Amino acid sequence: MARDGHTFSAYMASPPGRAADGAVIVLQEIFGVTPWLRRVTDGFAASGYLAVAPSLFDRVRRNIVLGYSAAEAEEGKGYRAQIPLDKACLDIAACAAVMRHAGRVAILGFCWGGTLAWVAAARLKPAAAVCYYGAGLAAQSAPPTCPTLLHFAQADASIPPEEVEQLREDFPAGEFHLYPAQHAFANEDRADRYDAASAALARSRTDAFLARTLRPGR
């Protein structure tokens, strides 16, 4: 339950056979908590973290999971437009409160979730944040106050290279990586966008970053 009384579902995965050593909140694209996002969440649990993917669309309608067609992308954009950043941050904060027993908490997101991870990293002060191709980050009122890893694609029409460069100048504390790929390159269920080499490299950098920030000194 969020602080405003809203209740929402979430997909949670725990490390198999051992206690969690840190936690990761995984934030969705505009398609909902899809099978791919659940597999990503399972992957972080397999790495030893308590991982949860909140259903942010529950503020509009429950159990929304879309496919990747152009029509469904437009539908997802419509749902996103109905959810103010303040409300999404309340849901993310509720997840963080539930997961603090597992140790340090990181917020990680893809596309819309990448933007939300950036905003939540400024407002909620987690231990770390990871933003996969989040748009409009420079337009937000404040930058993160925690270590932040950012992944962008060179051929991303929604985030032009000059926007990435401006963000790099404005937020020199961030760790930036640019990949020879398109928007959504990490999503293996999107055959038209997925880039296996870029996705693997970004994930290896993410794993190293989380180990460094959530398990310092180990």
Protein backbone atom coordinates (compact mmCIF):
# COMPACT_ATOMS: atom_id res chain seq x y z
CA MET A 1 0.00 0.00 0.00
CA ALA A 2 1.26 3.45 -0.94
CA ARG A 3 1.04 6.34 1.51
CA ASP A 4 -2.07 7.71 -0.23
CA GLY A 5 -3.91 4.42 0.40
CA HIS A 6 -3.54 3.01 -3.11
CA THR A 7 -2.92 -0.74 -3.16
CA PHE A 8 -1.14 -2.37 -6.07
CA SER A 9 0.24 -5.71 -7.15
CA ALA A 10 3.90 -6.49 -7.64
CA TYR A 11 5.94 -9.39 -8.92
CA MET A 12 8.53 -10.37 -6.30
CA ALA A 13 11.41 -12.83 -6.57
CA SER A 14 13.75 -13.98 -3.80
CA PRO A 15 17.22 -15.51 -4.06
CA PRO A 16 16.89 -19.30 -4.20
CA GLY A 17 17.99 -21.02 -1.02
CA ARG A 18 19.62 -18.09 0.75
CA ALA A 19 18.97 -14.72 2.33
CA ALA A 20 18.97 -11.65 0.11
CA ASP A 21 22.00 -9.37 0.15
CA GLY A 22 20.43 -6.15 -1.08
CA ALA A 23 17.27 -5.33 -3.03
CA VAL A 24 16.40 -4.13 -6.54
CA ILE A 25 13.16 -2.42 -7.57
CA VAL A 26 12.60 -3.10 -11.30
CA LEU A 27 10.45 -0.50 -13.05
CA GLN A 28 8.44 -1.30 -16.14
CA GLU A 29 8.33 0.00 -19.68
CA ILE A 30 4.98 1.32 -20.96
CA PHE A 31 3.84 -2.28 -21.53
CA GLY A 32 3.31 -3.28 -17.90
CA VAL A 33 4.87 -6.09 -15.88
CA THR A 34 5.44 -8.26 -18.94
CA PRO A 35 6.88 -11.79 -19.09
CA TRP A 36 10.22 -10.26 -20.07
CA LEU A 37 10.21 -7.89 -17.07
CA ARG A 38 9.43 -10.84 -14.79
CA ARG A 39 12.41 -12.72 -16.22
CA VAL A 40 14.61 -9.68 -15.57
CA THR A 41 13.34 -9.58 -12.00
CA ASP A 42 14.05 -13.30 -11.62
CA GLY A 43 17.56 -12.67 -12.92
CA PHE A 44 18.33 -10.16 -10.19
CA ALA A 45 16.98 -12.59 -7.60
CA ALA A 46 19.30 -15.27 -9.00
CA SER A 47 22.15 -12.80 -8.42
CA GLY A 48 21.31 -12.69 -4.71
CA TYR A 49 18.96 -9.71 -4.45
CA LEU A 50 15.38 -9.45 -3.31
CA ALA A 51 13.77 -8.12 -6.50
CA VAL A 52 10.33 -6.64 -7.11
CA ALA A 53 8.54 -5.22 -10.14
CA PRO A 54 5.55 -3.08 -9.08
CA SER A 55 2.53 -2.90 -11.34
CA LEU A 56 2.49 0.86 -11.82
CA PHE A 57 -0.47 0.74 -14.21
CA ASP A 58 -2.68 -0.44 -11.32
CA ARG A 59 -3.38 3.25 -10.68
CA VAL A 60 -5.30 3.28 -13.98
CA ARG A 61 -6.58 -0.27 -14.27
CA ARG A 62 -5.37 -3.52 -12.75
CA ASN A 63 -3.62 -6.38 -14.56
CA ILE A 64 -2.61 -4.37 -17.63
CA VAL A 65 0.03 -6.27 -19.61
CA LEU A 66 0.43 -5.26 -23.25
CA GLY A 67 2.18 -6.65 -26.28
CA TYR A 68 4.61 -4.68 -28.43
CA SER A 69 2.52 -3.68 -31.43
CA ALA A 70 2.28 -0.04 -32.46
CA ALA A 71 -1.33 0.09 -31.26
CA GLU A 72 -0.40 -1.34 -27.86
CA ALA A 73 2.51 1.09 -27.55
CA GLU A 74 0.05 3.96 -28.05
CA GLU A 75 -2.25 2.40 -25.47
CA GLY A 76 0.64 2.18 -23.01
CA LYS A 77 1.54 5.82 -23.60
CA GLY A 78 -2.05 6.70 -22.74
CA TYR A 79 -1.85 4.86 -19.43
CA ARG A 80 1.50 6.46 -18.64
CA ALA A 81 0.05 9.93 -19.24
CA GLN A 82 -2.57 9.29 -16.55
CA ILE A 83 -0.01 8.58 -13.81
CA PRO A 84 1.73 11.65 -12.34
CA LEU A 85 5.34 11.26 -11.27
CA ASP A 86 4.35 11.97 -7.67
CA LYS A 87 1.96 9.02 -7.64
CA ALA A 88 4.45 6.63 -9.28
CA CYS A 89 7.04 7.66 -6.68
CA LEU A 90 4.60 6.78 -3.89
CA ASP A 91 4.37 3.24 -5.26
CA ILE A 92 8.15 2.98 -5.60
CA ALA A 93 8.59 4.26 -2.05
CA ALA A 94 6.17 1.63 -0.78
CA CYS A 95 8.27 -1.08 -2.44
CA ALA A 96 11.45 0.34 -0.91
CA ALA A 97 9.89 0.34 2.56
CA VAL A 98 8.89 -3.31 2.24
CA MET A 99 12.34 -4.33 0.98
CA ARG A 100 14.66 -2.49 3.37
CA HIS A 101 15.07 -5.56 5.55
CA ALA A 102 17.07 -7.10 2.69
CA GLY A 103 19.76 -4.41 2.88
CA ARG A 104 20.59 -1.52 0.56
CA VAL A 105 17.99 -0.79 -2.13
CA ALA A 106 18.59 0.10 -5.78
CA ILE A 107 16.00 1.41 -8.23
CA LEU A 108 16.35 0.25 -11.84
CA GLY A 109 14.09 0.94 -14.79
CA PHE A 110 13.64 0.64 -18.54
CA CYS A 111 12.26 3.38 -20.83
CA TRP A 112 9.45 4.99 -18.76
CA GLY A 113 10.86 3.06 -15.83
CA GLY A 114 14.28 4.55 -16.56
CA THR A 115 12.83 8.04 -16.24
CA LEU A 116 11.06 7.04 -13.03
CA ALA A 117 14.29 5.55 -11.64
CA TRP A 118 16.01 8.92 -12.21
CA VAL A 119 13.20 10.85 -10.52
CA ALA A 120 12.92 8.40 -7.62
CA ALA A 121 16.69 8.48 -7.14
CA ALA A 122 16.42 12.22 -6.42
CA ARG A 123 13.31 12.05 -4.26
CA LEU A 124 13.68 8.78 -2.35
CA LYS A 125 17.45 8.63 -1.90
CA PRO A 126 18.08 4.93 -2.56
CA ALA A 127 21.56 3.42 -2.42
CA ALA A 128 21.85 3.37 -6.22
CA ALA A 129 19.92 3.85 -9.46
CA VAL A 130 20.18 2.35 -12.95
CA CYS A 131 18.44 4.04 -15.89
CA TYR A 132 18.04 2.19 -19.18
CA TYR A 133 17.24 4.69 -21.96
CA GLY A 134 15.07 6.98 -19.85
CA ALA A 135 13.83 10.02 -21.77
CA GLY A 136 13.60 13.62 -20.59
CA LEU A 137 15.93 13.24 -17.64
CA ALA A 138 17.45 16.70 -17.98
CA ALA A 139 13.99 18.25 -17.72
CA GLN A 140 13.43 16.90 -14.23
CA SER A 141 13.77 19.30 -11.31
CA ALA A 142 16.67 17.60 -9.53
CA PRO A 143 19.32 14.97 -10.33
CA PRO A 144 19.90 11.81 -8.28
CA THR A 145 21.85 12.10 -5.05
CA CYS A 146 23.05 8.49 -5.21
CA PRO A 147 25.45 6.65 -7.54
CA THR A 148 23.67 6.39 -10.89
CA LEU A 149 24.39 4.24 -13.95
CA LEU A 150 22.87 5.27 -17.28
CA HIS A 151 22.56 3.20 -20.46
CA PHE A 152 21.66 4.86 -23.78
CA ALA A 153 21.47 3.75 -27.43
CA GLN A 154 23.17 5.58 -30.29
CA ALA A 155 20.23 5.00 -32.68
CA ASP A 156 17.49 5.97 -30.22
CA ALA A 157 15.23 8.44 -32.03
CA SER A 158 13.45 9.36 -28.79
CA ILE A 159 16.69 10.37 -27.01
CA PRO A 160 19.00 12.19 -29.45
CA PRO A 161 22.78 12.13 -28.85
CA GLU A 162 22.85 15.84 -28.00
CA GLU A 163 20.40 15.20 -25.15
CA VAL A 164 22.70 12.52 -23.75
CA GLU A 165 25.71 14.82 -24.04
CA GLN A 166 23.88 17.65 -22.30
CA LEU A 167 22.87 15.29 -19.52
CA ARG A 168 26.48 14.14 -19.18
CA GLU A 169 27.58 17.76 -18.78
CA ASP A 170 24.83 18.53 -16.28
CA PHE A 171 25.35 15.37 -14.24
CA PRO A 172 29.08 14.57 -14.29
CA ALA A 173 28.69 12.27 -11.28
CA GLY A 174 26.78 9.77 -13.42
CA GLU A 175 28.30 6.72 -15.09
CA PHE A 176 27.26 6.90 -18.75
CA HIS A 177 27.42 4.21 -21.45
CA LEU A 178 26.34 4.49 -25.07
CA TYR A 179 25.63 1.39 -27.19
CA PRO A 180 25.47 0.80 -30.97
CA ALA A 181 21.79 -0.14 -30.77
CA GLN A 182 18.20 1.14 -30.75
CA HIS A 183 15.81 2.09 -27.98
CA ALA A 184 14.72 -0.98 -25.97
CA PHE A 185 17.85 -2.91 -26.98
CA ALA A 186 17.78 -4.88 -23.71
CA ASN A 187 14.36 -6.44 -24.30
CA GLU A 188 14.85 -9.85 -25.87
CA ASP A 189 11.11 -10.15 -26.59
CA ARG A 190 11.29 -7.24 -29.04
CA ALA A 191 12.99 -8.82 -32.02
CA ASP A 192 13.00 -5.54 -33.95
CA ARG A 193 14.94 -3.74 -31.19
CA TYR A 194 16.90 -6.36 -29.25
CA ASP A 195 20.68 -6.26 -29.53
CA ALA A 196 22.19 -9.26 -27.76
CA ALA A 197 25.74 -7.92 -27.52
CA SER A 198 24.67 -4.52 -26.19
CA ALA A 199 22.19 -6.10 -23.78
CA ALA A 200 24.83 -8.47 -22.40
CA LEU A 201 27.39 -5.70 -21.97
CA ALA A 202 24.87 -3.41 -20.26
CA ARG A 203 23.81 -6.21 -17.93
CA SER A 204 27.42 -7.03 -17.00
CA ARG A 205 28.04 -3.36 -16.21
CA THR A 206 24.82 -3.24 -14.21
CA ASP A 207 25.78 -6.34 -12.22
CA ALA A 208 29.19 -4.86 -11.38
CA PHE A 209 27.63 -1.52 -10.44
CA LEU A 210 25.05 -3.12 -8.14
CA ALA A 211 27.69 -5.27 -6.48
CA ARG A 212 29.76 -2.14 -5.85
CA THR A 213 26.93 0.00 -4.50
CA LEU A 214 24.74 -2.52 -2.69
CA ARG A 215 27.57 -4.66 -1.28
CA PRO A 216 30.40 -2.24 -0.57
CA GLY A 217 33.57 -3.75 0.81
CA ARG A 218 32.77 -7.27 -0.34
